[in-house]
Amino acid sequence: ALRRRGIVGWSLTICTLPVYWVLI
């Protein structure tokens, strides 16, 4: 989804998905 928006990288952000889900 990010690549389709022209965003590359953000590996650390993607790695923190499980933590973000805890907040949800």
mmCIF file of all heavy atoms, coordinates in Angstrom:
data_MODEL
# 
_entry.id   MODEL 
# 
loop_
_atom_site.group_PDB 
_atom_site.id 
_atom_site.type_symbol 
_atom_site.label_atom_id 
_atom_site.label_alt_id 
_atom_site.label_comp_id 
_atom_site.label_asym_id 
_atom_site.label_entity_id 
_atom_site.label_seq_id 
_atom_site.pdbx_PDB_ins_code 
_atom_site.Cartn_x 
_atom_site.Cartn_y 
_atom_site.Cartn_z 
_atom_site.occupancy 
_atom_site.B_iso_or_equiv 
_atom_site.pdbx_formal_charge 
_atom_site.auth_seq_id 
_atom_site.auth_comp_id 
_atom_site.auth_asym_id 
_atom_site.auth_atom_id 
_atom_site.pdbx_PDB_model_num 
ATOM 1   N N   . ALA A 1 1  ? 0.825  -1.206 0.000  1.00 0.00 ? 1  ALA A N   1 
ATOM 2   C CA  . ALA A 1 1  ? 0.000  0.000  0.000  1.00 0.00 ? 1  ALA A CA  1 
ATOM 3   C C   . ALA A 1 1  ? 0.861  1.259  0.000  1.00 0.00 ? 1  ALA A C   1 
ATOM 4   O O   . ALA A 1 1  ? 0.553  2.235  -0.692 1.00 0.00 ? 1  ALA A O   1 
ATOM 5   C CB  . ALA A 1 1  ? -0.931 -0.012 1.216  1.00 0.00 ? 1  ALA A CB  1 
ATOM 6   N N   . LEU A 1 2  ? 1.941  1.247  0.768  1.00 0.00 ? 2  LEU A N   1 
ATOM 7   C CA  . LEU A 1 2  ? 2.821  2.415  0.819  1.00 0.00 ? 2  LEU A CA  1 
ATOM 8   C C   . LEU A 1 2  ? 3.517  2.651  -0.519 1.00 0.00 ? 2  LEU A C   1 
ATOM 9   O O   . LEU A 1 2  ? 3.674  3.803  -0.951 1.00 0.00 ? 2  LEU A O   1 
ATOM 10  C CB  . LEU A 1 2  ? 3.856  2.237  1.930  1.00 0.00 ? 2  LEU A CB  1 
ATOM 11  C CG  . LEU A 1 2  ? 3.329  2.327  3.365  1.00 0.00 ? 2  LEU A CG  1 
ATOM 12  C CD1 . LEU A 1 2  ? 4.446  2.003  4.352  1.00 0.00 ? 2  LEU A CD1 1 
ATOM 13  C CD2 . LEU A 1 2  ? 2.756  3.711  3.651  1.00 0.00 ? 2  LEU A CD2 1 
ATOM 14  N N   . ARG A 1 3  ? 3.948  1.584  -1.163 1.00 0.00 ? 3  ARG A N   1 
ATOM 15  C CA  . ARG A 1 3  ? 4.617  1.738  -2.462 1.00 0.00 ? 3  ARG A CA  1 
ATOM 16  C C   . ARG A 1 3  ? 3.671  2.341  -3.488 1.00 0.00 ? 3  ARG A C   1 
ATOM 17  O O   . ARG A 1 3  ? 4.094  3.130  -4.338 1.00 0.00 ? 3  ARG A O   1 
ATOM 18  C CB  . ARG A 1 3  ? 5.130  0.384  -2.932 1.00 0.00 ? 3  ARG A CB  1 
ATOM 19  C CG  . ARG A 1 3  ? 6.400  -0.078 -2.205 1.00 0.00 ? 3  ARG A CG  1 
ATOM 20  C CD  . ARG A 1 3  ? 6.873  -1.422 -2.699 1.00 0.00 ? 3  ARG A CD  1 
ATOM 21  N NE  . ARG A 1 3  ? 8.119  -1.833 -2.042 1.00 0.00 ? 3  ARG A NE  1 
ATOM 22  C CZ  . ARG A 1 3  ? 8.700  -2.997 -2.213 1.00 0.00 ? 3  ARG A CZ  1 
ATOM 23  N NH1 . ARG A 1 3  ? 8.153  -3.898 -3.036 1.00 0.00 ? 3  ARG A NH1 1 
ATOM 24  N NH2 . ARG A 1 3  ? 9.817  -3.294 -1.573 1.00 0.00 ? 3  ARG A NH2 1 
ATOM 25  N N   . ARG A 1 4  ? 2.409  1.968  -3.434 1.00 0.00 ? 4  ARG A N   1 
ATOM 26  C CA  . ARG A 1 4  ? 1.437  2.551  -4.364 1.00 0.00 ? 4  ARG A CA  1 
ATOM 27  C C   . ARG A 1 4  ? 1.246  4.044  -4.116 1.00 0.00 ? 4  ARG A C   1 
ATOM 28  O O   . ARG A 1 4  ? 0.819  4.771  -4.998 1.00 0.00 ? 4  ARG A O   1 
ATOM 29  C CB  . ARG A 1 4  ? 0.100  1.817  -4.240 1.00 0.00 ? 4  ARG A CB  1 
ATOM 30  C CG  . ARG A 1 4  ? 0.141  0.410  -4.797 1.00 0.00 ? 4  ARG A CG  1 
ATOM 31  C CD  . ARG A 1 4  ? -1.212 -0.271 -4.700 1.00 0.00 ? 4  ARG A CD  1 
ATOM 32  N NE  . ARG A 1 4  ? -1.192 -1.584 -5.345 1.00 0.00 ? 4  ARG A NE  1 
ATOM 33  C CZ  . ARG A 1 4  ? -2.230 -2.415 -5.368 1.00 0.00 ? 4  ARG A CZ  1 
ATOM 34  N NH1 . ARG A 1 4  ? -3.374 -2.078 -4.788 1.00 0.00 ? 4  ARG A NH1 1 
ATOM 35  N NH2 . ARG A 1 4  ? -2.135 -3.584 -5.980 1.00 0.00 ? 4  ARG A NH2 1 
ATOM 36  N N   . ARG A 1 5  ? 1.571  4.475  -2.915 1.00 0.00 ? 5  ARG A N   1 
ATOM 37  C CA  . ARG A 1 5  ? 1.481  5.896  -2.588 1.00 0.00 ? 5  ARG A CA  1 
ATOM 38  C C   . ARG A 1 5  ? 2.816  6.595  -2.782 1.00 0.00 ? 5  ARG A C   1 
ATOM 39  O O   . ARG A 1 5  ? 2.975  7.758  -2.442 1.00 0.00 ? 5  ARG A O   1 
ATOM 40  C CB  . ARG A 1 5  ? 1.014  6.082  -1.135 1.00 0.00 ? 5  ARG A CB  1 
ATOM 41  C CG  . ARG A 1 5  ? -0.385 5.584  -0.894 1.00 0.00 ? 5  ARG A CG  1 
ATOM 42  C CD  . ARG A 1 5  ? -1.430 6.683  -1.036 1.00 0.00 ? 5  ARG A CD  1 
ATOM 43  N NE  . ARG A 1 5  ? -1.416 7.398  -2.318 1.00 0.00 ? 5  ARG A NE  1 
ATOM 44  C CZ  . ARG A 1 5  ? -2.015 6.991  -3.424 1.00 0.00 ? 5  ARG A CZ  1 
ATOM 45  N NH1 . ARG A 1 5  ? -2.670 5.852  -3.430 1.00 0.00 ? 5  ARG A NH1 1 
ATOM 46  N NH2 . ARG A 1 5  ? -1.952 7.707  -4.523 1.00 0.00 ? 5  ARG A NH2 1 
ATOM 47  N N   . GLY A 1 6  ? 3.820  5.841  -3.262 1.00 0.00 ? 6  GLY A N   1 
ATOM 48  C CA  . GLY A 1 6  ? 5.123  6.429  -3.513 1.00 0.00 ? 6  GLY A CA  1 
ATOM 49  C C   . GLY A 1 6  ? 5.992  6.543  -2.279 1.00 0.00 ? 6  GLY A C   1 
ATOM 50  O O   . GLY A 1 6  ? 6.963  7.308  -2.274 1.00 0.00 ? 6  GLY A O   1 
ATOM 51  N N   . ILE A 1 7  ? 5.668  5.778  -1.238 1.00 0.00 ? 7  ILE A N   1 
ATOM 52  C CA  . ILE A 1 7  ? 6.433  5.815  0.003  1.00 0.00 ? 7  ILE A CA  1 
ATOM 53  C C   . ILE A 1 7  ? 7.267  4.545  0.112  1.00 0.00 ? 7  ILE A C   1 
ATOM 54  O O   . ILE A 1 7  ? 6.731  3.438  0.041  1.00 0.00 ? 7  ILE A O   1 
ATOM 55  C CB  . ILE A 1 7  ? 5.500  5.932  1.224  1.00 0.00 ? 7  ILE A CB  1 
ATOM 56  C CG1 . ILE A 1 7  ? 4.672  7.214  1.145  1.00 0.00 ? 7  ILE A CG1 1 
ATOM 57  C CG2 . ILE A 1 7  ? 6.307  5.914  2.522  1.00 0.00 ? 7  ILE A CG2 1 
ATOM 58  C CD1 . ILE A 1 7  ? 3.619  7.334  2.238  1.00 0.00 ? 7  ILE A CD1 1 
ATOM 59  N N   . VAL A 1 8  ? 8.559  4.697  0.280  1.00 0.00 ? 8  VAL A N   1 
ATOM 60  C CA  . VAL A 1 8  ? 9.450  3.548  0.434  1.00 0.00 ? 8  VAL A CA  1 
ATOM 61  C C   . VAL A 1 8  ? 10.125 3.632  1.798  1.00 0.00 ? 8  VAL A C   1 
ATOM 62  O O   . VAL A 1 8  ? 10.160 4.681  2.434  1.00 0.00 ? 8  VAL A O   1 
ATOM 63  C CB  . VAL A 1 8  ? 10.510 3.496  -0.684 1.00 0.00 ? 8  VAL A CB  1 
ATOM 64  C CG1 . VAL A 1 8  ? 9.856  3.284  -2.031 1.00 0.00 ? 8  VAL A CG1 1 
ATOM 65  C CG2 . VAL A 1 8  ? 11.344 4.779  -0.690 1.00 0.00 ? 8  VAL A CG2 1 
ATOM 66  N N   . GLY A 1 9  ? 10.676 2.502  2.231  1.00 0.00 ? 9  GLY A N   1 
ATOM 67  C CA  . GLY A 1 9  ? 11.297 2.472  3.546  1.00 0.00 ? 9  GLY A CA  1 
ATOM 68  C C   . GLY A 1 9  ? 10.278 2.185  4.628  1.00 0.00 ? 9  GLY A C   1 
ATOM 69  O O   . GLY A 1 9  ? 9.433  1.301  4.491  1.00 0.00 ? 9  GLY A O   1 
ATOM 70  N N   . TRP A 1 10 ? 10.359 2.945  5.698  1.00 0.00 ? 10 TRP A N   1 
ATOM 71  C CA  . TRP A 1 10 ? 9.448  2.811  6.836  1.00 0.00 ? 10 TRP A CA  1 
ATOM 72  C C   . TRP A 1 10 ? 9.495  1.414  7.450  1.00 0.00 ? 10 TRP A C   1 
ATOM 73  O O   . TRP A 1 10 ? 8.504  0.914  7.977  1.00 0.00 ? 10 TRP A O   1 
ATOM 74  C CB  . TRP A 1 10 ? 8.022  3.151  6.428  1.00 0.00 ? 10 TRP A CB  1 
ATOM 75  C CG  . TRP A 1 10 ? 7.773  4.612  6.209  1.00 0.00 ? 10 TRP A CG  1 
ATOM 76  C CD1 . TRP A 1 10 ? 8.696  5.551  5.859  1.00 0.00 ? 10 TRP A CD1 1 
ATOM 77  C CD2 . TRP A 1 10 ? 6.524  5.309  6.316  1.00 0.00 ? 10 TRP A CD2 1 
ATOM 78  N NE1 . TRP A 1 10 ? 8.120  6.782  5.725  1.00 0.00 ? 10 TRP A NE1 1 
ATOM 79  C CE2 . TRP A 1 10 ? 6.783  6.673  5.991  1.00 0.00 ? 10 TRP A CE2 1 
ATOM 80  C CE3 . TRP A 1 10 ? 5.234  4.926  6.626  1.00 0.00 ? 10 TRP A CE3 1 
ATOM 81  C CZ2 . TRP A 1 10 ? 5.784  7.630  5.998  1.00 0.00 ? 10 TRP A CZ2 1 
ATOM 82  C CZ3 . TRP A 1 10 ? 4.231  5.878  6.617  1.00 0.00 ? 10 TRP A CZ3 1 
ATOM 83  C CH2 . TRP A 1 10 ? 4.502  7.220  6.314  1.00 0.00 ? 10 TRP A CH2 1 
ATOM 84  N N   . SER A 1 11 ? 10.641 0.751  7.374  1.00 0.00 ? 11 SER A N   1 
ATOM 85  C CA  . SER A 1 11 ? 10.753 -0.608 7.904  1.00 0.00 ? 11 SER A CA  1 
ATOM 86  C C   . SER A 1 11 ? 10.487 -0.656 9.401  1.00 0.00 ? 11 SER A C   1 
ATOM 87  O O   . SER A 1 11 ? 9.810  -1.570 9.903  1.00 0.00 ? 11 SER A O   1 
ATOM 88  C CB  . SER A 1 11 ? 12.147 -1.176 7.602  1.00 0.00 ? 11 SER A CB  1 
ATOM 89  O OG  . SER A 1 11 ? 12.356 -1.269 6.207  1.00 0.00 ? 11 SER A OG  1 
ATOM 90  N N   . LEU A 1 12 ? 11.005 0.316  10.136 1.00 0.00 ? 12 LEU A N   1 
ATOM 91  C CA  . LEU A 1 12 ? 10.791 0.349  11.577 1.00 0.00 ? 12 LEU A CA  1 
ATOM 92  C C   . LEU A 1 12 ? 9.317  0.523  11.902 1.00 0.00 ? 12 LEU A C   1 
ATOM 93  O O   . LEU A 1 12 ? 8.786  -0.109 12.824 1.00 0.00 ? 12 LEU A O   1 
ATOM 94  C CB  . LEU A 1 12 ? 11.606 1.472  12.213 1.00 0.00 ? 12 LEU A CB  1 
ATOM 95  C CG  . LEU A 1 12 ? 11.457 1.643  13.734 1.00 0.00 ? 12 LEU A CG  1 
ATOM 96  C CD1 . LEU A 1 12 ? 11.877 0.362  14.446 1.00 0.00 ? 12 LEU A CD1 1 
ATOM 97  C CD2 . LEU A 1 12 ? 12.253 2.838  14.225 1.00 0.00 ? 12 LEU A CD2 1 
ATOM 98  N N   . THR A 1 13 ? 8.636  1.372  11.142 1.00 0.00 ? 13 THR A N   1 
ATOM 99  C CA  . THR A 1 13 ? 7.213  1.593  11.353 1.00 0.00 ? 13 THR A CA  1 
ATOM 100 C C   . THR A 1 13 ? 6.433  0.302  11.143 1.00 0.00 ? 13 THR A C   1 
ATOM 101 O O   . THR A 1 13 ? 5.553  -0.046 11.943 1.00 0.00 ? 13 THR A O   1 
ATOM 102 C CB  . THR A 1 13 ? 6.691  2.673  10.388 1.00 0.00 ? 13 THR A CB  1 
ATOM 103 O OG1 . THR A 1 13 ? 7.407  3.882  10.592 1.00 0.00 ? 13 THR A OG1 1 
ATOM 104 C CG2 . THR A 1 13 ? 5.204  2.918  10.605 1.00 0.00 ? 13 THR A CG2 1 
ATOM 105 N N   . ILE A 1 14 ? 6.748  -0.417 10.083 1.00 0.00 ? 14 ILE A N   1 
ATOM 106 C CA  . ILE A 1 14 ? 6.064  -1.675 9.806  1.00 0.00 ? 14 ILE A CA  1 
ATOM 107 C C   . ILE A 1 14 ? 6.356  -2.703 10.901 1.00 0.00 ? 14 ILE A C   1 
ATOM 108 O O   . ILE A 1 14 ? 5.479  -3.484 11.289 1.00 0.00 ? 14 ILE A O   1 
ATOM 109 C CB  . ILE A 1 14 ? 6.466  -2.206 8.419  1.00 0.00 ? 14 ILE A CB  1 
ATOM 110 C CG1 . ILE A 1 14 ? 5.950  -1.252 7.330  1.00 0.00 ? 14 ILE A CG1 1 
ATOM 111 C CG2 . ILE A 1 14 ? 5.937  -3.617 8.185  1.00 0.00 ? 14 ILE A CG2 1 
ATOM 112 C CD1 . ILE A 1 14 ? 6.398  -1.602 5.930  1.00 0.00 ? 14 ILE A CD1 1 
ATOM 113 N N   . CYS A 1 15 ? 7.574  -2.687 11.436 1.00 0.00 ? 15 CYS A N   1 
ATOM 114 C CA  . CYS A 1 15 ? 7.934  -3.621 12.510 1.00 0.00 ? 15 CYS A CA  1 
ATOM 115 C C   . CYS A 1 15 ? 7.173  -3.342 13.801 1.00 0.00 ? 15 CYS A C   1 
ATOM 116 O O   . CYS A 1 15 ? 7.021  -4.244 14.636 1.00 0.00 ? 15 CYS A O   1 
ATOM 117 C CB  . CYS A 1 15 ? 9.433  -3.560 12.782 1.00 0.00 ? 15 CYS A CB  1 
ATOM 118 S SG  . CYS A 1 15 ? 10.449 -4.312 11.498 1.00 0.00 ? 15 CYS A SG  1 
ATOM 119 N N   . THR A 1 16 ? 6.707  -2.113 13.975 1.00 0.00 ? 16 THR A N   1 
ATOM 120 C CA  . THR A 1 16 ? 5.971  -1.779 15.198 1.00 0.00 ? 16 THR A CA  1 
ATOM 121 C C   . THR A 1 16 ? 4.464  -1.990 15.064 1.00 0.00 ? 16 THR A C   1 
ATOM 122 O O   . THR A 1 16 ? 3.702  -1.616 15.963 1.00 0.00 ? 16 THR A O   1 
ATOM 123 C CB  . THR A 1 16 ? 6.237  -0.316 15.615 1.00 0.00 ? 16 THR A CB  1 
ATOM 124 O OG1 . THR A 1 16 ? 5.832  0.574  14.548 1.00 0.00 ? 16 THR A OG1 1 
ATOM 125 C CG2 . THR A 1 16 ? 7.697  -0.095 15.933 1.00 0.00 ? 16 THR A CG2 1 
ATOM 126 N N   . LEU A 1 17 ? 4.038  -2.583 13.967 1.00 0.00 ? 17 LEU A N   1 
ATOM 127 C CA  . LEU A 1 17 ? 2.612  -2.889 13.806 1.00 0.00 ? 17 LEU A CA  1 
ATOM 128 C C   . LEU A 1 17 ? 2.026  -3.654 14.996 1.00 0.00 ? 17 LEU A C   1 
ATOM 129 O O   . LEU A 1 17 ? 0.938  -3.303 15.482 1.00 0.00 ? 17 LEU A O   1 
ATOM 130 C CB  . LEU A 1 17 ? 2.390  -3.688 12.512 1.00 0.00 ? 17 LEU A CB  1 
ATOM 131 C CG  . LEU A 1 17 ? 2.261  -2.896 11.213 1.00 0.00 ? 17 LEU A CG  1 
ATOM 132 C CD1 . LEU A 1 17 ? 2.274  -3.846 10.013 1.00 0.00 ? 17 LEU A CD1 1 
ATOM 133 C CD2 . LEU A 1 17 ? 0.986  -2.064 11.216 1.00 0.00 ? 17 LEU A CD2 1 
ATOM 134 N N   . PRO A 1 18 ? 2.687  -4.719 15.499 1.00 0.00 ? 18 PRO A N   1 
ATOM 135 C CA  . PRO A 1 18 ? 2.116  -5.450 16.641 1.00 0.00 ? 18 PRO A CA  1 
ATOM 136 C C   . PRO A 1 18 ? 1.905  -4.581 17.881 1.00 0.00 ? 18 PRO A C   1 
ATOM 137 O O   . PRO A 1 18 ? 0.940  -4.783 18.625 1.00 0.00 ? 18 PRO A O   1 
ATOM 138 C CB  . PRO A 1 18 ? 3.155  -6.545 16.905 1.00 0.00 ? 18 PRO A CB  1 
ATOM 139 C CG  . PRO A 1 18 ? 3.852  -6.732 15.603 1.00 0.00 ? 18 PRO A CG  1 
ATOM 140 C CD  . PRO A 1 18 ? 3.912  -5.361 14.992 1.00 0.00 ? 18 PRO A CD  1 
ATOM 141 N N   . VAL A 1 19 ? 2.793  -3.609 18.091 1.00 0.00 ? 19 VAL A N   1 
ATOM 142 C CA  . VAL A 1 19 ? 2.631  -2.704 19.226 1.00 0.00 ? 19 VAL A CA  1 
ATOM 143 C C   . VAL A 1 19 ? 1.446  -1.766 18.990 1.00 0.00 ? 19 VAL A C   1 
ATOM 144 O O   . VAL A 1 19 ? 0.656  -1.481 19.894 1.00 0.00 ? 19 VAL A O   1 
ATOM 145 C CB  . VAL A 1 19 ? 3.917  -1.891 19.468 1.00 0.00 ? 19 VAL A CB  1 
ATOM 146 C CG1 . VAL A 1 19 ? 3.771  -0.990 20.690 1.00 0.00 ? 19 VAL A CG1 1 
ATOM 147 C CG2 . VAL A 1 19 ? 5.110  -2.819 19.624 1.00 0.00 ? 19 VAL A CG2 1 
ATOM 148 N N   . TYR A 1 20 ? 1.324  -1.308 17.767 1.00 0.00 ? 20 TYR A N   1 
ATOM 149 C CA  . TYR A 1 20 ? 0.198  -0.435 17.402 1.00 0.00 ? 20 TYR A CA  1 
ATOM 150 C C   . TYR A 1 20 ? -1.126 -1.156 17.601 1.00 0.00 ? 20 TYR A C   1 
ATOM 151 O O   . TYR A 1 20 ? -2.102 -0.559 18.059 1.00 0.00 ? 20 TYR A O   1 
ATOM 152 C CB  . TYR A 1 20 ? 0.369  0.001  15.950 1.00 0.00 ? 20 TYR A CB  1 
ATOM 153 C CG  . TYR A 1 20 ? -0.658 1.002  15.459 1.00 0.00 ? 20 TYR A CG  1 
ATOM 154 C CD1 . TYR A 1 20 ? -0.717 2.284  15.996 1.00 0.00 ? 20 TYR A CD1 1 
ATOM 155 C CD2 . TYR A 1 20 ? -1.541 0.677  14.437 1.00 0.00 ? 20 TYR A CD2 1 
ATOM 156 C CE1 . TYR A 1 20 ? -1.631 3.213  15.542 1.00 0.00 ? 20 TYR A CE1 1 
ATOM 157 C CE2 . TYR A 1 20 ? -2.457 1.595  13.966 1.00 0.00 ? 20 TYR A CE2 1 
ATOM 158 C CZ  . TYR A 1 20 ? -2.504 2.868  14.520 1.00 0.00 ? 20 TYR A CZ  1 
ATOM 159 O OH  . TYR A 1 20 ? -3.416 3.776  14.069 1.00 0.00 ? 20 TYR A OH  1 
ATOM 160 N N   . TRP A 1 21 ? -1.160 -2.439 17.298 1.00 0.00 ? 21 TRP A N   1 
ATOM 161 C CA  . TRP A 1 21 ? -2.387 -3.213 17.485 1.00 0.00 ? 21 TRP A CA  1 
ATOM 162 C C   . TRP A 1 21 ? -2.766 -3.328 18.948 1.00 0.00 ? 21 TRP A C   1 
ATOM 163 O O   . TRP A 1 21 ? -3.948 -3.439 19.280 1.00 0.00 ? 21 TRP A O   1 
ATOM 164 C CB  . TRP A 1 21 ? -2.223 -4.602 16.870 1.00 0.00 ? 21 TRP A CB  1 
ATOM 165 C CG  . TRP A 1 21 ? -2.053 -4.581 15.385 1.00 0.00 ? 21 TRP A CG  1 
ATOM 166 C CD1 . TRP A 1 21 ? -2.320 -3.550 14.532 1.00 0.00 ? 21 TRP A CD1 1 
ATOM 167 C CD2 . TRP A 1 21 ? -1.566 -5.645 14.564 1.00 0.00 ? 21 TRP A CD2 1 
ATOM 168 N NE1 . TRP A 1 21 ? -2.022 -3.890 13.235 1.00 0.00 ? 21 TRP A NE1 1 
ATOM 169 C CE2 . TRP A 1 21 ? -1.561 -5.174 13.225 1.00 0.00 ? 21 TRP A CE2 1 
ATOM 170 C CE3 . TRP A 1 21 ? -1.124 -6.938 14.827 1.00 0.00 ? 21 TRP A CE3 1 
ATOM 171 C CZ2 . TRP A 1 21 ? -1.132 -5.970 12.161 1.00 0.00 ? 21 TRP A CZ2 1 
ATOM 172 C CZ3 . TRP A 1 21 ? -0.700 -7.730 13.770 1.00 0.00 ? 21 TRP A CZ3 1 
ATOM 173 C CH2 . TRP A 1 21 ? -0.710 -7.250 12.456 1.00 0.00 ? 21 TRP A CH2 1 
ATOM 174 N N   . VAL A 1 22 ? -1.789 -3.311 19.838 1.00 0.00 ? 22 VAL A N   1 
ATOM 175 C CA  . VAL A 1 22 ? -2.092 -3.312 21.273 1.00 0.00 ? 22 VAL A CA  1 
ATOM 176 C C   . VAL A 1 22 ? -2.872 -2.048 21.638 1.00 0.00 ? 22 VAL A C   1 
ATOM 177 O O   . VAL A 1 22 ? -3.852 -2.094 22.394 1.00 0.00 ? 22 VAL A O   1 
ATOM 178 C CB  . VAL A 1 22 ? -0.804 -3.410 22.107 1.00 0.00 ? 22 VAL A CB  1 
ATOM 179 C CG1 . VAL A 1 22 ? -1.118 -3.213 23.595 1.00 0.00 ? 22 VAL A CG1 1 
ATOM 180 C CG2 . VAL A 1 22 ? -0.132 -4.758 21.897 1.00 0.00 ? 22 VAL A CG2 1 
ATOM 181 N N   . LEU A 1 23 ? -2.455 -0.912 21.080 1.00 0.00 ? 23 LEU A N   1 
ATOM 182 C CA  . LEU A 1 23 ? -3.174 0.337  21.327 1.00 0.00 ? 23 LEU A CA  1 
ATOM 183 C C   . LEU A 1 23 ? -4.605 0.253  20.802 1.00 0.00 ? 23 LEU A C   1 
ATOM 184 O O   . LEU A 1 23 ? -5.545 0.729  21.441 1.00 0.00 ? 23 LEU A O   1 
ATOM 185 C CB  . LEU A 1 23 ? -2.441 1.507  20.668 1.00 0.00 ? 23 LEU A CB  1 
ATOM 186 C CG  . LEU A 1 23 ? -1.041 1.825  21.185 1.00 0.00 ? 23 LEU A CG  1 
ATOM 187 C CD1 . LEU A 1 23 ? -0.468 3.022  20.435 1.00 0.00 ? 23 LEU A CD1 1 
ATOM 188 C CD2 . LEU A 1 23 ? -1.049 2.077  22.675 1.00 0.00 ? 23 LEU A CD2 1 
ATOM 189 N N   . ILE A 1 24 ? -4.776 -0.366 19.640 1.00 0.00 ? 24 ILE A N   1 
ATOM 190 C CA  . ILE A 1 24 ? -6.120 -0.531 19.095 1.00 0.00 ? 24 ILE A CA  1 
ATOM 191 C C   . ILE A 1 24 ? -6.945 -1.428 20.016 1.00 0.00 ? 24 ILE A C   1 
ATOM 192 O O   . ILE A 1 24 ? -8.144 -1.198 20.231 1.00 0.00 ? 24 ILE A O   1 
ATOM 193 C CB  . ILE A 1 24 ? -6.054 -1.122 17.674 1.00 0.00 ? 24 ILE A CB  1 
ATOM 194 C CG1 . ILE A 1 24 ? -5.342 -0.155 16.726 1.00 0.00 ? 24 ILE A CG1 1 
ATOM 195 C CG2 . ILE A 1 24 ? -7.456 -1.440 17.151 1.00 0.00 ? 24 ILE A CG2 1 
ATOM 196 C CD1 . ILE A 1 24 ? -5.157 -0.691 15.321 1.00 0.00 ? 24 ILE A CD1 1 
# 
